[in-house]
Protein backbone atom coordinates (compact mmCIF):
# COMPACT_ATOMS: atom_id res chain seq x y z
CA MET A 1 31.25 -20.01 86.37
CA ALA A 2 30.95 -16.85 84.08
CA ASP A 3 31.32 -15.91 80.27
CA TYR A 4 33.54 -12.61 79.29
CA PHE A 5 33.59 -11.47 75.83
CA LEU A 6 36.35 -9.43 74.98
CA ALA A 7 36.88 -8.07 71.45
CA PHE A 8 39.91 -5.64 69.75
CA TRP A 9 38.49 -2.95 67.07
CA ASN A 10 41.03 -0.59 64.92
CA LEU A 11 38.44 2.55 64.65
CA GLU A 12 40.38 4.19 61.99
CA ASN A 13 42.04 7.51 63.06
CA LEU A 14 39.55 8.35 65.93
CA PHE A 15 40.92 12.06 66.77
CA GLY A 16 38.66 15.03 68.46
CA PRO A 17 37.36 17.45 66.27
CA GLU A 18 39.57 20.33 64.56
CA ASN A 19 39.27 22.70 67.96
CA HIS A 20 40.10 19.49 70.52
CA ALA A 21 40.87 21.69 73.79
CA HIS A 22 43.16 18.31 74.92
CA ARG A 23 45.39 18.06 71.72
CA LEU A 24 49.12 17.93 72.51
CA PRO A 25 51.21 20.58 71.01
CA TRP A 26 53.06 18.52 68.84
CA VAL A 27 50.53 16.44 67.91
CA ALA A 28 48.62 19.37 66.54
CA SER A 29 51.68 20.19 64.91
CA GLN A 30 51.42 17.14 62.45
CA ILE A 31 47.78 16.30 61.68
CA ALA A 32 46.53 19.84 62.11
CA LYS A 33 46.07 20.40 58.19
CA ASP A 34 44.78 16.29 58.15
CA LEU A 35 41.61 17.83 60.55
CA ASN A 36 40.82 20.98 58.52
CA GLY A 37 36.83 20.55 58.40
CA TRP A 38 36.80 17.74 60.74
CA THR A 39 33.68 19.29 62.70
CA PRO A 40 31.99 18.74 66.09
CA ALA A 41 29.06 17.28 64.25
CA LEU A 42 31.21 14.97 62.09
CA TYR A 43 32.99 13.79 65.23
CA GLN A 44 30.00 12.89 66.90
CA THR A 45 28.57 11.53 64.22
CA LYS A 46 31.65 9.26 63.78
CA LEU A 47 31.23 8.33 67.68
CA ARG A 48 27.66 7.28 66.84
CA GLN A 49 28.75 5.35 64.01
CA LEU A 50 31.20 3.17 66.07
CA ALA A 51 29.19 2.97 68.96
CA SER A 52 26.36 1.79 66.74
CA ILE A 53 28.68 -1.37 65.77
CA ILE A 54 30.12 -1.54 69.71
CA ARG A 55 26.52 -2.13 71.34
CA GLN A 56 25.69 -5.00 69.10
CA MET A 57 28.57 -7.18 70.05
CA ASN A 58 28.10 -9.84 72.50
CA GLY A 59 24.29 -10.61 71.61
CA GLY A 60 23.66 -6.58 71.85
CA ASN A 61 25.34 -6.36 75.43
CA GLY A 62 28.25 -4.76 74.80
CA PRO A 63 32.07 -6.48 75.18
CA ASP A 64 33.31 -7.07 78.67
CA ILE A 65 36.64 -5.61 77.76
CA LEU A 66 37.50 -3.86 74.49
CA GLY A 67 41.01 -2.96 73.35
CA ILE A 68 41.26 -0.35 70.73
CA CYS A 69 43.78 1.26 68.71
CA GLU A 70 44.12 4.37 66.29
CA VAL A 71 42.74 6.85 69.34
CA GLU A 72 43.72 10.34 70.12
CA ASP A 73 43.48 10.37 73.83
CA GLN A 74 41.15 9.10 76.66
CA HIS A 75 39.17 12.49 75.87
CA VAL A 76 37.64 11.17 72.63
CA LEU A 77 36.94 7.74 74.47
CA LYS A 78 34.99 9.58 77.32
CA ASP A 79 32.94 11.18 74.29
CA LEU A 80 32.20 7.57 72.86
CA ILE A 81 31.56 6.11 76.23
CA ALA A 82 28.58 8.76 76.68
CA VAL A 83 27.39 7.80 72.93
CA LEU A 84 27.45 4.45 74.04
CA ALA A 85 25.56 5.23 77.60
CA PRO A 86 21.96 5.69 76.56
CA ASP A 87 22.12 1.80 74.25
CA LEU A 88 24.05 -0.04 77.32
CA PRO A 89 22.11 1.33 80.39
CA ASN A 90 23.78 -1.47 82.17
CA ARG A 91 27.23 -1.12 81.63
CA ASP A 92 29.90 1.29 83.32
CA TYR A 93 32.46 1.74 81.09
CA ASP A 94 36.21 3.29 82.34
CA VAL A 95 38.87 3.72 80.15
CA ILE A 96 42.54 2.60 80.44
CA ALA A 97 44.38 5.12 78.06
CA GLU A 98 48.15 6.33 77.53
CA THR A 99 49.12 9.18 75.55
CA ASN A 100 52.70 7.97 75.60
CA ASP A 101 52.72 7.22 71.58
CA LEU A 102 55.68 8.41 69.83
CA SER A 103 54.13 8.16 65.95
CA TYR A 104 54.04 11.11 64.00
CA ARG A 105 50.08 10.91 63.98
CA GLY A 106 49.86 10.25 68.36
CA ILE A 107 47.77 7.44 67.93
CA ASP A 108 47.37 5.27 70.71
CA THR A 109 46.03 1.72 72.14
CA ALA A 110 43.69 1.65 74.74
CA PHE A 111 41.04 -0.42 76.83
CA LEU A 112 37.19 0.57 77.46
CA TYR A 113 35.97 -1.96 80.31
CA ASP A 114 33.09 -2.61 82.70
CA LYS A 115 34.15 -1.63 86.12
CA THR A 116 30.97 -3.47 87.54
CA LEU A 117 32.96 -6.71 85.99
CA PHE A 118 36.70 -5.94 86.81
CA SER A 119 38.81 -3.83 88.42
CA VAL A 120 42.23 -2.27 87.25
CA ASP A 121 45.45 -2.00 89.57
CA PRO A 122 46.86 1.55 87.95
CA ALA A 123 50.07 0.17 89.02
CA LEU A 124 49.64 -3.05 86.85
CA VAL A 125 49.21 -0.75 83.52
CA PHE A 126 52.19 -0.57 81.45
CA ASN A 127 53.75 0.84 78.24
CA HIS A 128 56.01 -1.19 76.65
CA ARG A 129 57.76 0.32 74.51
CA VAL A 130 58.55 -0.85 70.82
CA MET A 131 62.33 0.21 70.10
CA ARG A 132 63.19 1.37 66.32
CA ARG A 133 65.11 4.43 64.31
CA THR A 134 61.32 5.75 64.24
CA GLY A 135 58.39 6.68 66.45
CA THR A 136 55.58 3.80 66.82
CA ARG A 137 53.09 2.48 68.86
CA ASP A 138 53.63 0.78 72.32
CA ILE A 139 52.23 -2.17 73.37
CA LEU A 140 49.50 -1.34 76.57
CA GLN A 141 49.20 -4.06 79.36
CA ALA A 142 46.60 -4.24 81.52
CA THR A 143 45.95 -6.49 84.53
CA PHE A 144 42.14 -7.38 85.09
CA ARG A 145 40.81 -8.31 88.11
CA THR A 146 36.88 -9.96 88.61
CA GLN A 147 34.59 -8.05 90.51
CA GLN A 148 33.10 -11.01 92.37
CA SER A 149 36.37 -13.79 92.66
CA GLY A 150 39.12 -11.53 92.45
CA LYS A 151 40.65 -13.92 89.26
CA GLU A 152 43.06 -11.92 86.92
CA LEU A 153 43.48 -11.90 83.08
CA VAL A 154 46.36 -9.83 81.69
CA ALA A 155 45.36 -8.35 78.51
CA MET A 156 47.79 -6.65 75.57
CA ALA A 157 46.84 -3.83 73.16
CA ASN A 158 48.85 -3.77 70.16
CA HIS A 159 49.36 -1.70 67.21
CA TRP A 160 52.42 -2.80 65.11
CA PRO A 161 54.41 -0.29 62.68
CA SER A 162 52.46 0.05 59.58
CA ARG A 163 53.52 -1.18 55.86
CA HIS A 164 52.67 2.14 54.38
CA GLY A 165 55.29 5.30 54.25
CA GLY A 166 56.49 3.93 51.29
CA ALA A 167 58.70 0.98 52.71
CA GLY A 168 56.32 -1.60 52.12
CA ALA A 169 55.89 -5.02 53.71
CA GLU A 170 59.34 -6.65 53.03
CA ALA A 171 61.63 -3.36 53.83
CA SER A 172 59.30 -2.71 56.90
CA ALA A 173 59.15 -6.56 58.29
CA GLY A 174 61.66 -5.87 60.46
CA PHE A 175 59.93 -2.89 62.39
CA ARG A 176 57.18 -5.37 62.76
CA ALA A 177 59.53 -8.10 63.97
CA THR A 178 60.77 -5.92 66.78
CA ALA A 179 57.17 -5.70 67.66
CA GLY A 180 56.81 -8.93 67.78
CA GLU A 181 59.72 -9.45 70.03
CA THR A 182 58.77 -6.81 72.32
CA LEU A 183 55.34 -8.90 72.78
CA SER A 184 56.94 -11.98 73.69
CA TYR A 185 59.67 -11.02 75.72
CA TRP A 186 57.06 -9.28 78.19
CA HIS A 187 54.73 -12.62 77.66
CA SER A 188 58.04 -14.40 79.17
CA ARG A 189 58.27 -11.60 81.75
CA ILE A 190 54.80 -11.83 82.97
CA PHE A 191 55.28 -15.76 83.45
CA GLU A 192 58.45 -15.06 85.38
CA GLU A 193 57.07 -12.06 87.28
CA ALA A 194 53.07 -12.80 88.08
CA ALA A 195 52.19 -14.06 91.21
CA LYS A 196 50.56 -17.08 89.23
CA LYS A 197 53.79 -17.39 87.36
CA ASP A 198 52.95 -19.83 84.23
CA ARG A 199 49.89 -20.00 84.77
CA THR A 200 48.70 -16.38 84.21
CA PRO A 201 46.39 -16.06 81.28
CA VAL A 202 47.73 -13.94 78.76
CA ILE A 203 45.66 -12.42 76.00
CA ALA A 204 47.40 -10.75 73.25
CA PHE A 205 45.46 -9.19 70.88
CA GLY A 206 45.59 -6.27 67.94
CA ASP A 207 46.16 -4.85 64.64
CA MET A 208 49.75 -6.28 63.97
CA ASN A 209 49.90 -5.34 59.99
CA ASP A 210 50.69 -8.57 59.45
CA ASP A 211 49.13 -11.55 58.25
CA PRO A 212 49.06 -15.03 60.59
CA TRP A 213 52.17 -16.50 58.81
CA ASP A 214 54.11 -13.63 58.49
CA ARG A 215 57.32 -14.41 60.61
CA SER A 216 56.64 -11.51 63.10
CA LEU A 217 53.80 -13.76 64.54
CA THR A 218 55.26 -17.21 64.19
CA ILE A 219 58.78 -16.41 64.41
CA ASN A 220 59.04 -13.27 67.09
CA ALA A 221 55.89 -13.51 68.83
CA LEU A 222 55.75 -17.31 68.83
CA ALA A 223 52.12 -17.36 67.65
CA THR A 224 51.08 -20.33 66.13
CA ARG A 225 47.96 -22.35 64.66
CA GLU A 226 49.52 -25.29 65.94
CA LEU A 227 47.16 -25.93 69.19
CA GLY A 228 48.83 -28.96 70.40
CA ASP A 229 52.50 -27.34 70.71
CA VAL A 230 51.32 -24.60 72.77
CA GLU A 231 49.64 -26.80 74.72
CA ARG A 232 53.43 -28.68 74.94
CA ALA A 233 55.69 -25.85 75.27
CA LYS A 234 57.94 -25.13 78.14
CA SER A 235 58.38 -21.58 76.63
CA PRO A 236 55.72 -18.81 76.70
CA LYS A 237 54.19 -19.55 72.96
CA PHE A 238 50.96 -18.16 72.03
CA TYR A 239 47.62 -20.15 69.97
CA ASN A 240 46.94 -17.36 67.40
CA ILE A 241 43.04 -17.49 66.75
CA ALA A 242 43.43 -15.64 63.74
CA TRP A 243 43.65 -19.33 61.87
CA GLU A 244 40.07 -20.09 62.43
CA TYR A 245 38.47 -17.03 60.59
CA LEU A 246 40.83 -16.64 57.44
CA THR A 247 37.87 -17.64 55.64
CA ALA A 248 34.55 -16.14 57.31
CA GLN A 249 31.27 -15.77 56.31
CA ALA A 250 29.39 -12.71 56.43
CA LYS A 251 26.22 -10.81 55.23
CA ASP A 252 26.71 -7.46 53.30
CA HIS A 253 25.01 -4.66 53.91
CA LYS A 254 22.67 -5.43 51.11
CA GLY A 255 21.91 -8.75 52.41
CA ASN A 256 23.93 -10.82 49.77
CA ASP A 257 26.02 -13.58 51.40
CA ARG A 258 30.32 -12.61 51.40
CA LEU A 259 33.06 -14.88 51.86
CA LEU A 260 35.53 -12.40 54.11
CA GLU A 261 39.16 -12.76 53.04
CA GLY A 262 40.86 -10.72 55.94
CA THR A 263 39.82 -8.18 58.84
CA LEU A 264 40.37 -4.93 56.15
CA TYR A 265 41.25 -4.80 52.64
CA PHE A 266 44.11 -2.96 50.67
CA ASN A 267 44.40 -2.72 47.01
CA ASP A 268 41.15 -5.23 46.46
CA ASN A 269 43.02 -8.37 48.11
CA GLY A 270 41.69 -8.87 52.24
CA ASN A 271 44.21 -9.43 54.56
CA VAL A 272 44.31 -10.87 58.41
CA PHE A 273 46.07 -8.11 60.43
CA ASP A 274 43.68 -8.25 63.72
CA HIS A 275 44.92 -11.22 65.77
CA LEU A 276 43.71 -12.83 69.11
CA LEU A 277 46.98 -14.84 70.59
CA VAL A 278 46.01 -17.11 73.90
CA ASN A 279 48.32 -18.48 75.84
CA ARG A 280 48.54 -22.23 77.37
CA PRO A 281 46.95 -21.51 80.55
CA LEU A 282 43.83 -20.53 78.39
CA VAL A 283 44.24 -23.50 75.93
CA ASP A 284 45.72 -26.27 77.65
CA ARG A 285 43.53 -28.30 79.98
CA LYS A 286 45.92 -29.56 82.06
CA THR A 287 47.05 -26.22 83.26
CA ASP A 288 45.42 -24.68 86.32
CA SER A 289 44.15 -21.51 85.08
CA GLU A 290 41.06 -19.34 86.73
CA PHE A 291 40.46 -18.30 83.00
CA LYS A 292 39.75 -20.77 79.19
CA TYR A 293 39.33 -20.18 75.85
CA VAL A 294 35.73 -20.94 75.06
CA GLY A 295 36.86 -22.96 71.63
CA GLY A 296 35.24 -21.78 68.66
CA SER A 297 33.97 -18.72 69.70
CA GLY A 298 37.00 -16.50 68.41
CA GLY A 299 36.01 -14.53 65.13
CA ILE A 300 35.91 -11.47 62.79
CA ILE A 301 32.79 -9.26 64.18
CA ALA A 302 31.10 -8.13 61.02
CA PHE A 303 27.57 -6.86 61.02
CA PRO A 304 26.01 -6.56 58.04
CA GLU A 305 25.68 -2.56 57.82
CA MET A 306 29.55 -2.59 58.25
CA VAL A 307 30.04 -5.29 55.35
CA SER A 308 30.32 -3.94 51.60
CA HIS A 309 29.08 -5.23 48.53
CA ARG A 310 31.81 -4.96 46.27
CA THR A 311 34.24 -8.42 46.06
CA GLY A 312 37.63 -6.16 46.61
CA GLU A 313 36.02 -4.42 49.60
CA GLY A 314 35.61 -5.68 53.33
CA PRO A 315 34.75 -3.19 56.17
CA ILE A 316 33.00 0.10 54.92
CA ARG A 317 35.32 2.79 56.00
CA PHE A 318 34.60 6.39 57.68
CA GLY A 319 37.68 7.19 55.91
CA LEU A 320 40.04 10.27 56.81
CA PRO A 321 39.21 13.90 56.89
CA LYS A 322 43.04 14.56 54.40
CA GLY A 323 42.41 18.19 54.93
CA ASN A 324 38.93 18.29 53.57
CA ALA A 325 36.58 16.07 55.91
CA ALA A 326 33.05 17.21 53.70
CA LYS A 327 34.60 15.61 50.86
CA ASN A 328 36.52 12.93 52.19
CA VAL A 329 34.70 10.60 54.52
CA ASN A 330 31.91 8.74 54.18
CA GLU A 331 29.28 9.46 56.88
CA THR A 332 27.57 5.81 56.55
CA GLY A 333 31.06 4.19 57.47
CA PHE A 334 32.50 2.63 60.26
CA SER A 335 36.24 1.95 59.93
CA ASP A 336 38.85 0.64 57.58
CA HIS A 337 39.17 -2.93 59.95
CA PHE A 338 36.33 -5.17 61.25
CA PRO A 339 36.43 -6.00 64.85
CA VAL A 340 37.65 -9.34 66.34
CA GLY A 341 36.40 -11.13 69.51
CA LEU A 342 36.44 -14.11 71.71
CA LYS A 343 35.09 -15.63 74.82
CA ILE A 344 36.71 -16.66 77.99
CA ARG A 345 35.24 -18.87 80.73
CA GLU A 346 36.03 -18.37 84.56
CA VAL A 347 36.54 -21.49 85.61
């Protein structure tokens, strides 16, 4: 029996520096001005700040699997792994990333995973296109097989359409509904097509840009707060662990106790946009499954140095270059989202 720690983090626009050799031409044409002054030195500072948090996860051992969004490509993730390596010598991280993002800024979902613990068959890695009239992010799916016993877990990294761009939450709700339906459809197909059918454990995590009570989660993705509904469901449903961390406690960077109202803050209000969804095989004790969610282990990851002391703020942002990196970033910050994580147990 072994426990595994999985986390998800929106890295807030982790782009390579302004002279990034691997940048796709169409991405460069859209964001070139935003990256003016985003020097290799600032880029390395951003990587070090992110790495300082990732290495603290899982009791200082780093995550076994880390889902990620807002990353430019696999090259910047390999740079991140290189920064992580000295502090996590027992880890051998690899990258799963697809540069198929159709949003105008070219930000992708991806995974880091420890190759000493898991193998990944490239034939079982999928990008699920979220179809809408403007570009959006794909849902990245991968099957992780434990090296020791060959047991399989399906993970799906999500980054749903934003509320920004002038549309607002209500006007853009249909876009996230489409993303929720896409996730639910492929969850159903996994149950139909996987070798173990409806016993296949599935974790879907990510930045959904909606709260747990919004219809994109409850109606479209079939993600509920009622554990019993998931245990009894004949159709694929998710238990949304985000309901468990609506009022999380943390220490801020000045040592004060803080009540966290969300995984990110906008206009002085907290939102729980970063979700951990687990399916019936992971929570139903009557379902024969190779992994189970460790109850109570899911939550917001908020180390003190990340947490603002200001009431209307949550994570301390590194910020965006916005065309003048020297003036518009905070080199002591991290991301505009807190990570979230959970443990699963091999049975």
